[in-house]
């Protein structure tokens, strides 16, 4: 059985989301995706990324009309 990594690099998140690594860096800088810096590098907690994906799916399904909480527990309009 393969154990999934809890902390991901930008490259791993890019592969997971099927987007370019520079897009992941841009989203992290802009606060659009849950991330933290470790030295000069961005890191991502798998649990928060998976929650962020679910939120985006629900938000898009509701056409963005419903208030929701972010992956970090903050209320977003």
PDB file of N, CA and C in Angstrom:
ATOM      1  N   UNK A   1       0.837  -1.188   0.000  1.00  0.00           N
ATOM      2  CA  UNK A   1       0.000   0.000   0.000  1.00  0.00           C
ATOM      3  C   UNK A   1       0.882   1.252   0.000  1.00  0.00           C
ATOM      4  N   UNK A   2       0.585   2.181  -0.883  1.00  0.00           N
ATOM      5  CA  UNK A   2       1.353   3.414  -0.997  1.00  0.00           C
ATOM      6  C   UNK A   2       0.747   4.481  -0.095  1.00  0.00           C
ATOM      7  N   UNK A   3       1.594   5.083   0.724  1.00  0.00           N
ATOM      8  CA  UNK A   3       1.140   6.160   1.596  1.00  0.00           C
ATOM      9  C   UNK A   3       1.293   7.483   0.853  1.00  0.00           C
ATOM     10  N   UNK A   4       0.233   8.275   0.837  1.00  0.00           N
ATOM     11  CA  UNK A   4       0.274   9.576   0.165  1.00  0.00           C
ATOM     12  C   UNK A   4       1.043  10.578   1.017  1.00  0.00           C
ATOM     13  N   UNK A   5       1.799  11.433   0.342  1.00  0.00           N
ATOM     14  CA  UNK A   5       2.524  12.489   1.037  1.00  0.00           C
ATOM     15  C   UNK A   5       1.532  13.520   1.563  1.00  0.00           C
ATOM     16  N   UNK A   6       1.799  14.014   2.753  1.00  0.00           N
ATOM     17  CA  UNK A   6       0.927  15.018   3.353  1.00  0.00           C
ATOM     18  C   UNK A   6       1.251  16.422   2.853  1.00  0.00           C
ATOM     19  N   UNK A   7       2.529  16.701   2.649  1.00  0.00           N
ATOM     20  CA  UNK A   7       2.980  18.011   2.184  1.00  0.00           C
ATOM     21  C   UNK A   7       3.482  17.849   0.751  1.00  0.00           C
ATOM     22  N   UNK A   8       2.985  18.702  -0.141  1.00  0.00           N
ATOM     23  CA  UNK A   8       3.307  18.617  -1.562  1.00  0.00           C
ATOM     24  C   UNK A   8       4.104  19.826  -2.025  1.00  0.00           C
ATOM     25  N   UNK A   9       4.894  19.632  -3.064  1.00  0.00           N
ATOM     26  CA  UNK A   9       5.606  20.735  -3.711  1.00  0.00           C
ATOM     27  C   UNK A   9       4.690  21.339  -4.779  1.00  0.00           C
ATOM     28  N   UNK A  10       5.102  22.476  -5.313  1.00  0.00           N
ATOM     29  CA  UNK A  10       4.330  23.111  -6.386  1.00  0.00           C
ATOM     30  C   UNK A  10       4.256  22.202  -7.612  1.00  0.00           C
ATOM     31  N   UNK A  11       5.337  21.520  -7.903  1.00  0.00           N
ATOM     32  CA  UNK A  11       5.354  20.605  -9.051  1.00  0.00           C
ATOM     33  C   UNK A  11       4.356  19.464  -8.849  1.00  0.00           C
ATOM     34  N   UNK A  12       4.298  18.918  -7.636  1.00  0.00           N
ATOM     35  CA  UNK A  12       3.365  17.828  -7.347  1.00  0.00           C
ATOM     36  C   UNK A  12       1.915  18.300  -7.420  1.00  0.00           C
ATOM     37  N   UNK A  13       1.653  19.515  -6.927  1.00  0.00           N
ATOM     38  CA  UNK A  13       0.299  20.076  -7.008  1.00  0.00           C
ATOM     39  C   UNK A  13      -0.071  20.321  -8.467  1.00  0.00           C
ATOM     40  N   UNK A  14       0.871  20.814  -9.247  1.00  0.00           N
ATOM     41  CA  UNK A  14       0.627  21.052 -10.676  1.00  0.00           C
ATOM     42  C   UNK A  14       0.259  19.745 -11.383  1.00  0.00           C
ATOM     43  N   UNK A  15       0.972  18.686 -11.080  1.00  0.00           N
ATOM     44  CA  UNK A  15       0.666  17.382 -11.677  1.00  0.00           C
ATOM     45  C   UNK A  15      -0.703  16.888 -11.212  1.00  0.00           C
ATOM     46  N   UNK A  16      -0.994  17.077  -9.936  1.00  0.00           N
ATOM     47  CA  UNK A  16      -2.270  16.652  -9.363  1.00  0.00           C
ATOM     48  C   UNK A  16      -3.446  17.391 -10.012  1.00  0.00           C
ATOM     49  N   UNK A  17      -3.276  18.701 -10.248  1.00  0.00           N
ATOM     50  CA  UNK A  17      -4.341  19.525 -10.821  1.00  0.00           C
ATOM     51  C   UNK A  17      -4.283  19.592 -12.347  1.00  0.00           C
ATOM     52  N   UNK A  18      -3.230  19.036 -12.910  1.00  0.00           N
ATOM     53  CA  UNK A  18      -3.026  19.043 -14.359  1.00  0.00           C
ATOM     54  C   UNK A  18      -2.947  20.477 -14.907  1.00  0.00           C
ATOM     55  N   UNK A  19      -2.150  21.294 -14.221  1.00  0.00           N
ATOM     56  CA  UNK A  19      -1.885  22.667 -14.660  1.00  0.00           C
ATOM     57  C   UNK A  19      -0.376  22.903 -14.625  1.00  0.00           C
ATOM     58  N   UNK A  20       0.064  24.004 -15.179  1.00  0.00           N
ATOM     59  CA  UNK A  20       1.487  24.323 -15.232  1.00  0.00           C
ATOM     60  C   UNK A  20       1.984  24.734 -13.838  1.00  0.00           C
ATOM     61  N   UNK A  21       3.206  24.334 -13.459  1.00  0.00           N
ATOM     62  CA  UNK A  21       3.752  24.729 -12.144  1.00  0.00           C
ATOM     63  C   UNK A  21       3.793  26.239 -11.914  1.00  0.00           C
ATOM     64  N   UNK A  22       4.018  27.024 -12.960  1.00  0.00           N
ATOM     65  CA  UNK A  22       4.022  28.480 -12.788  1.00  0.00           C
ATOM     66  C   UNK A  22       2.640  29.005 -12.408  1.00  0.00           C
ATOM     67  N   UNK A  23       1.584  28.336 -12.872  1.00  0.00           N
ATOM     68  CA  UNK A  23       0.224  28.714 -12.484  1.00  0.00           C
ATOM     69  C   UNK A  23       0.017  28.433 -11.000  1.00  0.00           C
ATOM     70  N   UNK A  24       0.542  27.331 -10.523  1.00  0.00           N
ATOM     71  CA  UNK A  24       0.450  27.002  -9.092  1.00  0.00           C
ATOM     72  C   UNK A  24       1.159  28.072  -8.275  1.00  0.00           C
ATOM     73  N   UNK A  25       2.353  28.473  -8.697  1.00  0.00           N
ATOM     74  CA  UNK A  25       3.095  29.536  -7.996  1.00  0.00           C
ATOM     75  C   UNK A  25       2.303  30.845  -8.003  1.00  0.00           C
ATOM     76  N   UNK A  26       1.720  31.182  -9.129  1.00  0.00           N
ATOM     77  CA  UNK A  26       0.928  32.415  -9.235  1.00  0.00           C
ATOM     78  C   UNK A  26      -0.265  32.369  -8.275  1.00  0.00           C
ATOM     79  N   UNK A  27      -1.001  31.262  -8.279  1.00  0.00           N
ATOM     80  CA  UNK A  27      -2.151  31.121  -7.383  1.00  0.00           C
ATOM     81  C   UNK A  27      -1.719  31.213  -5.914  1.00  0.00           C
ATOM     82  N   UNK A  28      -0.586  30.630  -5.580  1.00  0.00           N
ATOM     83  CA  UNK A  28      -0.085  30.684  -4.199  1.00  0.00           C
ATOM     84  C   UNK A  28       0.254  32.123  -3.817  1.00  0.00           C
ATOM     85  N   UNK A  29       0.968  32.837  -4.689  1.00  0.00           N
ATOM     86  CA  UNK A  29       1.324  34.242  -4.427  1.00  0.00           C
ATOM     87  C   UNK A  29       0.094  35.108  -4.237  1.00  0.00           C
ATOM     88  N   UNK A  30      -0.942  34.847  -5.040  1.00  0.00           N
ATOM     89  CA  UNK A  30      -2.161  35.650  -4.996  1.00  0.00           C
ATOM     90  C   UNK A  30      -3.133  35.200  -3.916  1.00  0.00           C
ATOM     91  N   UNK A  31      -2.799  34.140  -3.212  1.00  0.00           N
ATOM     92  CA  UNK A  31      -3.671  33.636  -2.157  1.00  0.00           C
ATOM     93  C   UNK A  31      -4.890  32.906  -2.686  1.00  0.00           C
ATOM     94  N   UNK A  32      -4.851  32.462  -3.927  1.00  0.00           N
ATOM     95  CA  UNK A  32      -5.994  31.772  -4.531  1.00  0.00           C
ATOM     96  C   UNK A  32      -6.028  30.287  -4.182  1.00  0.00           C
ATOM     97  N   UNK A  33      -4.925  29.761  -3.689  1.00  0.00           N
ATOM     98  CA  UNK A  33      -4.831  28.355  -3.334  1.00  0.00           C
ATOM     99  C   UNK A  33      -4.134  28.281  -1.971  1.00  0.00           C
ATOM    100  N   UNK A  34      -4.583  27.406  -1.082  1.00  0.00           N
ATOM    101  CA  UNK A  34      -3.955  27.330   0.244  1.00  0.00           C
ATOM    102  C   UNK A  34      -2.500  26.835   0.139  1.00  0.00           C
ATOM    103  N   UNK A  35      -1.581  27.640   0.652  1.00  0.00           N
ATOM    104  CA  UNK A  35      -0.156  27.327   0.543  1.00  0.00           C
ATOM    105  C   UNK A  35       0.616  28.019   1.650  1.00  0.00           C
ATOM    106  N   UNK A  36       1.841  27.570   1.851  1.00  0.00           N
ATOM    107  CA  UNK A  36       2.741  28.245   2.788  1.00  0.00           C
ATOM    108  C   UNK A  36       4.148  28.184   2.222  1.00  0.00           C
ATOM    109  N   UNK A  37       4.973  29.127   2.652  1.00  0.00           N
ATOM    110  CA  UNK A  37       6.353  29.178   2.169  1.00  0.00           C
ATOM    111  C   UNK A  37       7.260  28.473   3.163  1.00  0.00           C
ATOM    112  N   UNK A  38       8.178  27.709   2.608  1.00  0.00           N
ATOM    113  CA  UNK A  38       9.228  27.068   3.380  1.00  0.00           C
ATOM    114  C   UNK A  38      10.534  27.548   2.757  1.00  0.00           C
ATOM    115  N   UNK A  39      11.117  28.569   3.382  1.00  0.00           N
ATOM    116  CA  UNK A  39      12.262  29.222   2.759  1.00  0.00           C
ATOM    117  C   UNK A  39      11.789  29.983   1.539  1.00  0.00           C
ATOM    118  N   UNK A  40      12.331  29.636   0.392  1.00  0.00           N
ATOM    119  CA  UNK A  40      11.951  30.292  -0.870  1.00  0.00           C
ATOM    120  C   UNK A  40      10.915  29.480  -1.645  1.00  0.00           C
ATOM    121  N   UNK A  41      10.575  28.300  -1.153  1.00  0.00           N
ATOM    122  CA  UNK A  41       9.698  27.387  -1.888  1.00  0.00           C
ATOM    123  C   UNK A  41       8.289  27.348  -1.310  1.00  0.00           C
ATOM    124  N   UNK A  42       7.303  27.182  -2.188  1.00  0.00           N
ATOM    125  CA  UNK A  42       5.920  27.015  -1.772  1.00  0.00           C
ATOM    126  C   UNK A  42       5.671  25.553  -1.443  1.00  0.00           C
ATOM    127  N   UNK A  43       4.894  25.317  -0.399  1.00  0.00           N
ATOM    128  CA  UNK A  43       4.473  23.968  -0.022  1.00  0.00           C
ATOM    129  C   UNK A  43       2.961  23.986   0.170  1.00  0.00           C
ATOM    130  N   UNK A  44       2.363  22.822   0.016  1.00  0.00           N
ATOM    131  CA  UNK A  44       0.911  22.693   0.018  1.00  0.00           C
ATOM    132  C   UNK A  44       0.516  21.474   0.833  1.00  0.00           C
ATOM    133  N   UNK A  45      -0.429  21.649   1.728  1.00  0.00           N
ATOM    134  CA  UNK A  45      -0.924  20.541   2.542  1.00  0.00           C
ATOM    135  C   UNK A  45      -2.006  19.824   1.741  1.00  0.00           C
ATOM    136  N   UNK A  46      -1.823  18.531   1.512  1.00  0.00           N
ATOM    137  CA  UNK A  46      -2.746  17.754   0.686  1.00  0.00           C
ATOM    138  C   UNK A  46      -4.200  17.923   1.147  1.00  0.00           C
ATOM    139  N   UNK A  47      -4.436  17.897   2.457  1.00  0.00           N
ATOM    140  CA  UNK A  47      -5.786  18.008   2.999  1.00  0.00           C
ATOM    141  C   UNK A  47      -6.446  19.330   2.574  1.00  0.00           C
ATOM    142  N   UNK A  48      -5.679  20.438   2.613  1.00  0.00           N
ATOM    143  CA  UNK A  48      -6.225  21.737   2.238  1.00  0.00           C
ATOM    144  C   UNK A  48      -6.455  21.841   0.731  1.00  0.00           C
ATOM    145  N   UNK A  49      -5.587  21.218  -0.051  1.00  0.00           N
ATOM    146  CA  UNK A  49      -5.765  21.223  -1.510  1.00  0.00           C
ATOM    147  C   UNK A  49      -7.029  20.444  -1.878  1.00  0.00           C
ATOM    148  N   UNK A  50      -7.217  19.282  -1.266  1.00  0.00           N
ATOM    149  CA  UNK A  50      -8.412  18.482  -1.556  1.00  0.00           C
ATOM    150  C   UNK A  50      -9.687  19.217  -1.127  1.00  0.00           C
ATOM    151  N   UNK A  51      -9.637  19.895   0.013  1.00  0.00           N
ATOM    152  CA  UNK A  51     -10.788  20.680   0.476  1.00  0.00           C
ATOM    153  C   UNK A  51     -11.049  21.848  -0.463  1.00  0.00           C
ATOM    154  N   UNK A  52      -9.980  22.497  -0.927  1.00  0.00           N
ATOM    155  CA  UNK A  52     -10.087  23.617  -1.869  1.00  0.00           C
ATOM    156  C   UNK A  52     -10.754  23.160  -3.165  1.00  0.00           C
ATOM    157  N   UNK A  53     -10.390  21.991  -3.659  1.00  0.00           N
ATOM    158  CA  UNK A  53     -10.999  21.441  -4.881  1.00  0.00           C
ATOM    159  C   UNK A  53     -12.490  21.206  -4.662  1.00  0.00           C
ATOM    160  N   UNK A  54     -12.856  20.635  -3.526  1.00  0.00           N
ATOM    161  CA  UNK A  54     -14.278  20.394  -3.229  1.00  0.00           C
ATOM    162  C   UNK A  54     -15.047  21.706  -3.156  1.00  0.00           C
ATOM    163  N   UNK A  55     -14.447  22.717  -2.513  1.00  0.00           N
ATOM    164  CA  UNK A  55     -15.102  24.027  -2.424  1.00  0.00           C
ATOM    165  C   UNK A  55     -15.322  24.631  -3.796  1.00  0.00           C
ATOM    166  N   UNK A  56     -14.316  24.531  -4.647  1.00  0.00           N
ATOM    167  CA  UNK A  56     -14.441  25.073  -6.000  1.00  0.00           C
ATOM    168  C   UNK A  56     -15.546  24.357  -6.756  1.00  0.00           C
ATOM    169  N   UNK A  57     -15.653  23.056  -6.576  1.00  0.00           N
ATOM    170  CA  UNK A  57     -16.692  22.270  -7.246  1.00  0.00           C
ATOM    171  C   UNK A  57     -18.072  22.690  -6.769  1.00  0.00           C
ATOM    172  N   UNK A  58     -18.251  22.837  -5.454  1.00  0.00           N
ATOM    173  CA  UNK A  58     -19.543  23.241  -4.889  1.00  0.00           C
ATOM    174  C   UNK A  58     -19.860  24.670  -5.293  1.00  0.00           C
ATOM    175  N   UNK A  59     -18.871  25.563  -5.190  1.00  0.00           N
ATOM    176  CA  UNK A  59     -19.060  26.973  -5.530  1.00  0.00           C
ATOM    177  C   UNK A  59     -19.476  27.113  -6.991  1.00  0.00           C
ATOM    178  N   UNK A  60     -18.802  26.399  -7.879  1.00  0.00           N
ATOM    179  CA  UNK A  60     -19.125  26.470  -9.301  1.00  0.00           C
ATOM    180  C   UNK A  60     -20.484  25.844  -9.593  1.00  0.00           C
ATOM    181  N   UNK A  61     -20.840  24.781  -8.882  1.00  0.00           N
ATOM    182  CA  UNK A  61     -22.138  24.137  -9.080  1.00  0.00           C
ATOM    183  C   UNK A  61     -23.277  25.060  -8.658  1.00  0.00           C
ATOM    184  N   UNK A  62     -23.021  25.931  -7.664  1.00  0.00           N
ATOM    185  CA  UNK A  62     -24.026  26.877  -7.184  1.00  0.00           C
ATOM    186  C   UNK A  62     -23.917  28.227  -7.883  1.00  0.00           C
ATOM    187  N   UNK A  63     -23.136  28.308  -8.928  1.00  0.00           N
ATOM    188  CA  UNK A  63     -22.915  29.544  -9.682  1.00  0.00           C
ATOM    189  C   UNK A  63     -22.379  30.670  -8.810  1.00  0.00           C
ATOM    190  N   UNK A  64     -21.698  30.312  -7.735  1.00  0.00           N
ATOM    191  CA  UNK A  64     -21.057  31.311  -6.895  1.00  0.00           C
ATOM    192  C   UNK A  64     -22.006  32.148  -6.067  1.00  0.00           C
ATOM    193  N   UNK A  65     -23.259  31.727  -5.900  1.00  0.00           N
ATOM    194  CA  UNK A  65     -24.245  32.546  -5.191  1.00  0.00           C
ATOM    195  C   UNK A  65     -24.322  32.245  -3.695  1.00  0.00           C
ATOM    196  N   UNK A  66     -23.682  31.200  -3.256  1.00  0.00           N
ATOM    197  CA  UNK A  66     -23.777  30.780  -1.868  1.00  0.00           C
ATOM    198  C   UNK A  66     -22.515  31.183  -1.110  1.00  0.00           C
ATOM    199  N   UNK A  67     -22.668  31.662   0.133  1.00  0.00           N
ATOM    200  CA  UNK A  67     -21.494  31.955   0.958  1.00  0.00           C
ATOM    201  C   UNK A  67     -20.880  30.634   1.369  1.00  0.00           C
ATOM    202  N   UNK A  68     -19.581  30.616   1.453  1.00  0.00           N
ATOM    203  CA  UNK A  68     -18.892  29.386   1.807  1.00  0.00           C
ATOM    204  C   UNK A  68     -17.679  29.703   2.669  1.00  0.00           C
ATOM    205  N   UNK A  69     -17.108  28.688   3.259  1.00  0.00           N
ATOM    206  CA  UNK A  69     -15.883  28.847   4.045  1.00  0.00           C
ATOM    207  C   UNK A  69     -14.701  28.365   3.225  1.00  0.00           C
ATOM    208  N   UNK A  70     -13.590  29.035   3.391  1.00  0.00           N
ATOM    209  CA  UNK A  70     -12.384  28.645   2.662  1.00  0.00           C
ATOM    210  C   UNK A  70     -11.796  27.387   3.286  1.00  0.00           C
ATOM    211  N   UNK A  71     -10.790  26.833   2.648  1.00  0.00           N
ATOM    212  CA  UNK A  71     -10.115  25.635   3.144  1.00  0.00           C
ATOM    213  C   UNK A  71      -9.478  25.896   4.512  1.00  0.00           C
ATOM    214  N   UNK A  72      -9.239  27.146   4.834  1.00  0.00           N
ATOM    215  CA  UNK A  72      -8.629  27.492   6.103  1.00  0.00           C
ATOM    216  C   UNK A  72      -9.665  27.939   7.126  1.00  0.00           C
ATOM    217  N   UNK A  73     -10.961  27.822   6.808  1.00  0.00           N
ATOM    218  CA  UNK A  73     -12.014  28.137   7.745  1.00  0.00           C
ATOM    219  C   UNK A  73     -12.493  29.578   7.715  1.00  0.00           C
ATOM    220  N   UNK A  74     -12.024  30.372   6.759  1.00  0.00           N
ATOM    221  CA  UNK A  74     -12.434  31.775   6.667  1.00  0.00           C
ATOM    222  C   UNK A  74     -13.692  31.876   5.794  1.00  0.00           C
ATOM    223  N   UNK A  75     -14.634  32.734   6.175  1.00  0.00           N
ATOM    224  CA  UNK A  75     -15.843  32.923   5.389  1.00  0.00           C
ATOM    225  C   UNK A  75     -15.535  33.774   4.166  1.00  0.00           C
ATOM    226  N   UNK A  76     -16.035  33.322   3.017  1.00  0.00           N
ATOM    227  CA  UNK A  76     -15.816  34.020   1.749  1.00  0.00           C
ATOM    228  C   UNK A  76     -17.158  34.369   1.156  1.00  0.00           C
ATOM    229  N   UNK A  77     -17.287  35.585   0.641  1.00  0.00           N
ATOM    230  CA  UNK A  77     -18.545  36.022   0.008  1.00  0.00           C
ATOM    231  C   UNK A  77     -18.597  35.547  -1.417  1.00  0.00           C
TER     232      UNK A  77
END
